[in-house]
Amino acid sequence: MNKFKPGKKAQNNEKVVVSIRIDNETLNKIDNLANKVDISRNELINQCIKFSFDHLEFDENKKDMS
């Protein structure tokens, strides 16, 4: 599997505001990594989501994903 390599990337201006609940430990990890690579929390989360979808293996015939 490819490795996730966060970093500064060209911005896409077509974004919408959403709200999520996230536990403190995960948020601390996100903030620490964002600071290390000098990008915003928002940009890091967007890159994580894109990476996840780019590497997702999903069987559309199977309803139960467990």
C-alpha atoms as a PDB file:
ATOM      1  CA  MET A   1       0.000   0.000   0.000  1.00  0.00           C
ATOM      2  CA  ASN A   2       1.166   3.522  -0.713  1.00  0.00           C
ATOM      3  CA  LYS A   3       2.241   5.631   2.235  1.00  0.00           C
ATOM      4  CA  PHE A   4       0.450   8.810   3.210  1.00  0.00           C
ATOM      5  CA  LYS A   5       2.723  11.841   2.767  1.00  0.00           C
ATOM      6  CA  PRO A   6       0.984  15.051   3.866  1.00  0.00           C
ATOM      7  CA  GLY A   7       2.258  18.383   2.620  1.00  0.00           C
ATOM      8  CA  LYS A   8       1.407  21.688   1.023  1.00  0.00           C
ATOM      9  CA  LYS A   9      -0.712  21.281  -2.089  1.00  0.00           C
ATOM     10  CA  ALA A  10      -2.654  23.505  -4.475  1.00  0.00           C
ATOM     11  CA  GLN A  11      -5.906  24.680  -2.952  1.00  0.00           C
ATOM     12  CA  ASN A  12      -9.300  23.915  -4.456  1.00  0.00           C
ATOM     13  CA  ASN A  13     -11.609  26.835  -3.640  1.00  0.00           C
ATOM     14  CA  GLU A  14     -14.822  24.806  -3.916  1.00  0.00           C
ATOM     15  CA  LYS A  15     -15.255  23.774  -0.275  1.00  0.00           C
ATOM     16  CA  VAL A  16     -18.179  23.599   2.111  1.00  0.00           C
ATOM     17  CA  VAL A  17     -18.239  23.883   5.881  1.00  0.00           C
ATOM     18  CA  VAL A  18     -19.113  20.733   7.836  1.00  0.00           C
ATOM     19  CA  SER A  19     -18.954  19.863  11.493  1.00  0.00           C
ATOM     20  CA  ILE A  20     -17.677  16.585  12.951  1.00  0.00           C
ATOM     21  CA  ARG A  21     -17.127  15.237  16.444  1.00  0.00           C
ATOM     22  CA  ILE A  22     -13.677  13.852  17.101  1.00  0.00           C
ATOM     23  CA  ASP A  23     -12.027  12.613  20.281  1.00  0.00           C
ATOM     24  CA  ASN A  24      -9.296  14.687  21.934  1.00  0.00           C
ATOM     25  CA  GLU A  25      -6.526  12.154  21.371  1.00  0.00           C
ATOM     26  CA  THR A  26      -7.151  12.055  17.623  1.00  0.00           C
ATOM     27  CA  LEU A  27      -7.389  15.832  17.429  1.00  0.00           C
ATOM     28  CA  ASN A  28      -4.052  16.167  19.236  1.00  0.00           C
ATOM     29  CA  LYS A  29      -2.440  13.788  16.733  1.00  0.00           C
ATOM     30  CA  ILE A  30      -3.901  15.765  13.827  1.00  0.00           C
ATOM     31  CA  ASP A  31      -2.713  19.072  15.252  1.00  0.00           C
ATOM     32  CA  ASN A  32       0.786  17.742  15.996  1.00  0.00           C
ATOM     33  CA  LEU A  33       1.219  16.357  12.486  1.00  0.00           C
ATOM     34  CA  ALA A  34      -0.221  19.473  10.840  1.00  0.00           C
ATOM     35  CA  ASN A  35       2.278  21.583  12.770  1.00  0.00           C
ATOM     36  CA  LYS A  36       5.184  19.302  11.800  1.00  0.00           C
ATOM     37  CA  VAL A  37       4.411  19.538   8.083  1.00  0.00           C
ATOM     38  CA  ASP A  38       3.391  23.222   8.317  1.00  0.00           C
ATOM     39  CA  ILE A  39      -0.153  22.905   7.004  1.00  0.00           C
ATOM     40  CA  SER A  40      -3.522  23.703   8.552  1.00  0.00           C
ATOM     41  CA  ARG A  41      -5.595  21.163  10.434  1.00  0.00           C
ATOM     42  CA  ASN A  42      -8.224  21.506   7.721  1.00  0.00           C
ATOM     43  CA  GLU A  43      -5.747  20.763   4.922  1.00  0.00           C
ATOM     44  CA  LEU A  44      -4.392  17.709   6.743  1.00  0.00           C
ATOM     45  CA  ILE A  45      -7.868  16.290   7.338  1.00  0.00           C
ATOM     46  CA  ASN A  46      -8.761  16.858   3.667  1.00  0.00           C
ATOM     47  CA  GLN A  47      -5.571  15.092   2.555  1.00  0.00           C
ATOM     48  CA  CYS A  48      -6.305  12.172   4.911  1.00  0.00           C
ATOM     49  CA  ILE A  49      -9.829  11.823   3.534  1.00  0.00           C
ATOM     50  CA  LYS A  50      -8.616  11.968  -0.087  1.00  0.00           C
ATOM     51  CA  PHE A  51      -5.899   9.382   0.610  1.00  0.00           C
ATOM     52  CA  SER A  52      -8.436   7.119   2.271  1.00  0.00           C
ATOM     53  CA  PHE A  53     -10.828   7.265  -0.673  1.00  0.00           C
ATOM     54  CA  ASP A  54      -7.989   6.813  -3.193  1.00  0.00           C
ATOM     55  CA  HIS A  55      -6.965   3.580  -1.426  1.00  0.00           C
ATOM     56  CA  LEU A  56     -10.377   2.261  -0.430  1.00  0.00           C
ATOM     57  CA  GLU A  57     -11.264  -1.313  -1.274  1.00  0.00           C
ATOM     58  CA  PHE A  58     -15.010  -1.663  -1.297  1.00  0.00           C
ATOM     59  CA  ASP A  59     -17.227  -4.509  -2.435  1.00  0.00           C
ATOM     60  CA  GLU A  60     -20.455  -2.898  -3.640  1.00  0.00           C
ATOM     61  CA  ASN A  61     -22.226  -6.271  -3.477  1.00  0.00           C
ATOM     62  CA  LYS A  62     -21.592  -6.578   0.258  1.00  0.00           C
ATOM     63  CA  LYS A  63     -23.806  -4.446   2.513  1.00  0.00           C
ATOM     64  CA  ASP A  64     -22.089  -5.272   5.823  1.00  0.00           C
ATOM     65  CA  MET A  65     -18.664  -3.598   5.850  1.00  0.00           C
ATOM     66  CA  SER A  66     -17.450  -5.327   9.056  1.00  0.00           C
END
